Amino acid sequence: MPEAFPSFGTIETEQELTEEAFAILRQHLPPHKVARLLALWKIGSGDYVKERDSLFSGSTVDSLFEEAKSAQG
């Protein structure tokens, strides 16, 4: 697997990330809440392709990376 930024570990596939997140949810939430959350995620809303320009207006990869690092603590 390719190495990501050193402080972030490796880059997972979408499937690996989904499986890890699902395992965490199952550990910390009762089954009925996991099911409700998954149903909400599948529904989705909005159009990300249209919204991303306003969400990231004026941002660069570097600025987003720095923002993520500072949010991490």
N, C-alpha and C. Protein backbone atom coordinates (compact mmCIF):
# COMPACT_ATOMS: atom_id res chain seq x y z
N MET A 1 0.84 -1.18 0.00
CA MET A 1 0.00 0.00 0.00
C MET A 1 0.89 1.25 0.00
N PRO A 2 0.53 2.28 -0.77
CA PRO A 2 1.37 3.48 -0.82
C PRO A 2 1.38 4.22 0.52
N GLU A 3 2.47 4.87 0.80
CA GLU A 3 2.62 5.64 2.04
C GLU A 3 2.00 7.02 1.85
N ALA A 4 1.20 7.43 2.79
CA ALA A 4 0.60 8.77 2.75
C ALA A 4 1.53 9.74 3.45
N PHE A 5 0.99 10.86 3.86
CA PHE A 5 1.77 11.79 4.65
C PHE A 5 2.20 11.05 5.92
N PRO A 6 3.44 11.19 6.33
CA PRO A 6 3.96 10.39 7.44
C PRO A 6 3.10 10.39 8.69
N SER A 7 2.50 11.52 9.05
CA SER A 7 1.72 11.57 10.28
C SER A 7 0.33 10.95 10.12
N PHE A 8 -0.06 10.64 8.89
CA PHE A 8 -1.39 10.11 8.66
C PHE A 8 -1.40 8.61 8.38
N GLY A 9 -0.25 7.96 8.31
CA GLY A 9 -0.21 6.53 8.05
C GLY A 9 -0.38 6.23 6.57
N THR A 10 -1.07 5.13 6.29
CA THR A 10 -1.22 4.72 4.89
C THR A 10 -2.57 5.13 4.35
N ILE A 11 -2.67 5.11 3.05
CA ILE A 11 -3.93 5.44 2.38
C ILE A 11 -4.70 4.14 2.18
N GLU A 12 -5.92 4.09 2.72
CA GLU A 12 -6.75 2.91 2.58
C GLU A 12 -7.55 3.00 1.29
N THR A 13 -8.03 1.84 0.84
CA THR A 13 -9.00 1.85 -0.24
C THR A 13 -10.33 2.30 0.35
N GLU A 14 -11.27 2.67 -0.49
CA GLU A 14 -12.59 3.06 0.02
C GLU A 14 -13.23 1.91 0.78
N GLN A 15 -13.05 0.69 0.29
CA GLN A 15 -13.62 -0.48 0.95
C GLN A 15 -13.02 -0.66 2.35
N GLU A 16 -11.70 -0.53 2.47
CA GLU A 16 -11.04 -0.68 3.77
C GLU A 16 -11.51 0.39 4.74
N LEU A 17 -11.63 1.61 4.26
CA LEU A 17 -12.10 2.70 5.11
C LEU A 17 -13.53 2.45 5.57
N THR A 18 -14.38 2.00 4.66
CA THR A 18 -15.77 1.71 4.99
C THR A 18 -15.85 0.60 6.04
N GLU A 19 -15.06 -0.45 5.86
CA GLU A 19 -15.08 -1.57 6.81
C GLU A 19 -14.60 -1.12 8.19
N GLU A 20 -13.55 -0.31 8.23
CA GLU A 20 -13.04 0.17 9.52
C GLU A 20 -14.08 1.06 10.21
N ALA A 21 -14.69 1.96 9.46
CA ALA A 21 -15.70 2.84 10.04
C ALA A 21 -16.90 2.05 10.55
N PHE A 22 -17.32 1.05 9.78
CA PHE A 22 -18.45 0.23 10.18
C PHE A 22 -18.12 -0.54 11.47
N ALA A 23 -16.89 -1.05 11.58
CA ALA A 23 -16.49 -1.76 12.79
C ALA A 23 -16.52 -0.84 14.01
N ILE A 24 -16.07 0.40 13.83
CA ILE A 24 -16.09 1.37 14.92
C ILE A 24 -17.52 1.68 15.33
N LEU A 25 -18.39 1.87 14.35
CA LEU A 25 -19.80 2.12 14.66
C LEU A 25 -20.40 0.96 15.44
N ARG A 26 -20.14 -0.26 15.00
CA ARG A 26 -20.69 -1.44 15.68
C ARG A 26 -20.18 -1.56 17.11
N GLN A 27 -18.96 -1.10 17.36
CA GLN A 27 -18.40 -1.17 18.71
C GLN A 27 -19.03 -0.16 19.65
N HIS A 28 -19.47 0.97 19.11
CA HIS A 28 -19.88 2.08 19.97
C HIS A 28 -21.37 2.42 19.91
N LEU A 29 -22.10 1.81 19.00
CA LEU A 29 -23.53 2.09 18.89
C LEU A 29 -24.32 0.79 18.88
N PRO A 30 -25.54 0.83 19.40
CA PRO A 30 -26.39 -0.36 19.31
C PRO A 30 -26.79 -0.59 17.84
N PRO A 31 -27.12 -1.83 17.49
CA PRO A 31 -27.43 -2.16 16.10
C PRO A 31 -28.50 -1.29 15.45
N HIS A 32 -29.54 -0.93 16.20
CA HIS A 32 -30.60 -0.13 15.58
C HIS A 32 -30.10 1.26 15.19
N LYS A 33 -29.17 1.82 15.95
CA LYS A 33 -28.63 3.13 15.60
C LYS A 33 -27.69 3.03 14.39
N VAL A 34 -26.91 1.97 14.33
CA VAL A 34 -26.04 1.76 13.16
C VAL A 34 -26.90 1.65 11.91
N ALA A 35 -27.97 0.88 11.99
CA ALA A 35 -28.86 0.71 10.83
C ALA A 35 -29.48 2.04 10.41
N ARG A 36 -29.92 2.83 11.37
CA ARG A 36 -30.51 4.14 11.03
C ARG A 36 -29.49 5.05 10.38
N LEU A 37 -28.27 5.07 10.92
CA LEU A 37 -27.23 5.91 10.37
C LEU A 37 -26.87 5.49 8.95
N LEU A 38 -26.74 4.20 8.72
CA LEU A 38 -26.43 3.72 7.37
C LEU A 38 -27.54 4.08 6.39
N ALA A 39 -28.78 3.99 6.85
CA ALA A 39 -29.90 4.37 5.98
C ALA A 39 -29.84 5.86 5.63
N LEU A 40 -29.49 6.69 6.59
CA LEU A 40 -29.37 8.13 6.32
C LEU A 40 -28.25 8.41 5.32
N TRP A 41 -27.13 7.74 5.48
CA TRP A 41 -26.00 7.95 4.58
C TRP A 41 -26.33 7.53 3.16
N LYS A 42 -27.10 6.46 3.00
CA LYS A 42 -27.43 5.98 1.66
C LYS A 42 -28.35 6.95 0.94
N ILE A 43 -29.21 7.62 1.68
CA ILE A 43 -30.15 8.56 1.06
C ILE A 43 -29.38 9.72 0.45
N GLY A 44 -28.52 10.33 1.23
CA GLY A 44 -27.74 11.45 0.73
C GLY A 44 -28.63 12.63 0.35
N SER A 45 -28.00 13.73 0.03
CA SER A 45 -28.75 14.90 -0.41
C SER A 45 -27.78 15.87 -1.05
N GLY A 46 -28.32 16.77 -1.83
CA GLY A 46 -27.49 17.79 -2.45
C GLY A 46 -26.70 17.26 -3.63
N ASP A 47 -25.90 18.13 -4.20
CA ASP A 47 -25.06 17.79 -5.35
C ASP A 47 -23.65 18.28 -5.05
N TYR A 48 -22.82 17.38 -4.57
CA TYR A 48 -21.46 17.76 -4.16
C TYR A 48 -20.69 18.40 -5.30
N VAL A 49 -20.86 17.89 -6.51
CA VAL A 49 -20.12 18.44 -7.65
C VAL A 49 -20.43 19.93 -7.81
N LYS A 50 -21.68 20.31 -7.58
CA LYS A 50 -22.06 21.72 -7.68
C LYS A 50 -21.63 22.52 -6.45
N GLU A 51 -21.67 21.88 -5.28
CA GLU A 51 -21.38 22.58 -4.03
C GLU A 51 -19.89 22.74 -3.75
N ARG A 52 -19.06 21.88 -4.31
CA ARG A 52 -17.64 21.89 -3.94
C ARG A 52 -16.94 23.19 -4.29
N ASP A 53 -17.35 23.85 -5.39
CA ASP A 53 -16.71 25.11 -5.75
C ASP A 53 -16.91 26.16 -4.67
N SER A 54 -18.12 26.25 -4.12
CA SER A 54 -18.35 27.23 -3.06
C SER A 54 -17.73 26.77 -1.74
N LEU A 55 -17.70 25.47 -1.50
CA LEU A 55 -17.11 24.96 -0.26
C LEU A 55 -15.61 25.21 -0.18
N PHE A 56 -14.94 25.07 -1.31
CA PHE A 56 -13.48 25.16 -1.32
C PHE A 56 -12.96 26.36 -2.11
N SER A 57 -13.81 27.36 -2.28
CA SER A 57 -13.40 28.56 -3.01
C SER A 57 -12.18 29.19 -2.37
N GLY A 58 -11.16 29.43 -3.16
CA GLY A 58 -9.94 30.06 -2.65
C GLY A 58 -9.01 29.11 -1.92
N SER A 59 -9.37 27.84 -1.82
CA SER A 59 -8.53 26.87 -1.13
C SER A 59 -7.57 26.19 -2.10
N THR A 60 -6.43 25.80 -1.57
CA THR A 60 -5.48 25.00 -2.33
C THR A 60 -5.28 23.69 -1.58
N VAL A 61 -4.64 22.74 -2.23
CA VAL A 61 -4.33 21.49 -1.54
C VAL A 61 -3.50 21.78 -0.30
N ASP A 62 -2.53 22.68 -0.44
CA ASP A 62 -1.68 23.01 0.70
C ASP A 62 -2.46 23.65 1.84
N SER A 63 -3.38 24.58 1.51
CA SER A 63 -4.15 25.24 2.58
C SER A 63 -5.09 24.25 3.26
N LEU A 64 -5.68 23.33 2.49
CA LEU A 64 -6.55 22.33 3.08
C LEU A 64 -5.76 21.36 3.96
N PHE A 65 -4.55 21.03 3.52
CA PHE A 65 -3.69 20.15 4.32
C PHE A 65 -3.34 20.81 5.64
N GLU A 66 -2.97 22.08 5.60
CA GLU A 66 -2.63 22.81 6.83
C GLU A 66 -3.84 22.91 7.75
N GLU A 67 -5.01 23.13 7.17
CA GLU A 67 -6.24 23.21 7.96
C GLU A 67 -6.51 21.87 8.64
N ALA A 68 -6.33 20.78 7.91
CA ALA A 68 -6.53 19.45 8.49
C ALA A 68 -5.53 19.18 9.60
N LYS A 69 -4.28 19.57 9.40
CA LYS A 69 -3.25 19.36 10.43
C LYS A 69 -3.59 20.14 11.69
N SER A 70 -4.01 21.39 11.54
CA SER A 70 -4.31 22.20 12.73
C SER A 70 -5.56 21.69 13.45
N ALA A 71 -6.50 21.13 12.71
CA ALA A 71 -7.70 20.58 13.34
C ALA A 71 -7.38 19.31 14.12
N GLN A 72 -6.32 18.64 13.70
CA GLN A 72 -5.92 17.40 14.36
C GLN A 72 -5.28 17.66 15.72
N GLY A 73 -4.78 18.85 15.90
CA GLY A 73 -4.22 19.20 17.21
C GLY A 73 -2.79 19.21 17.27
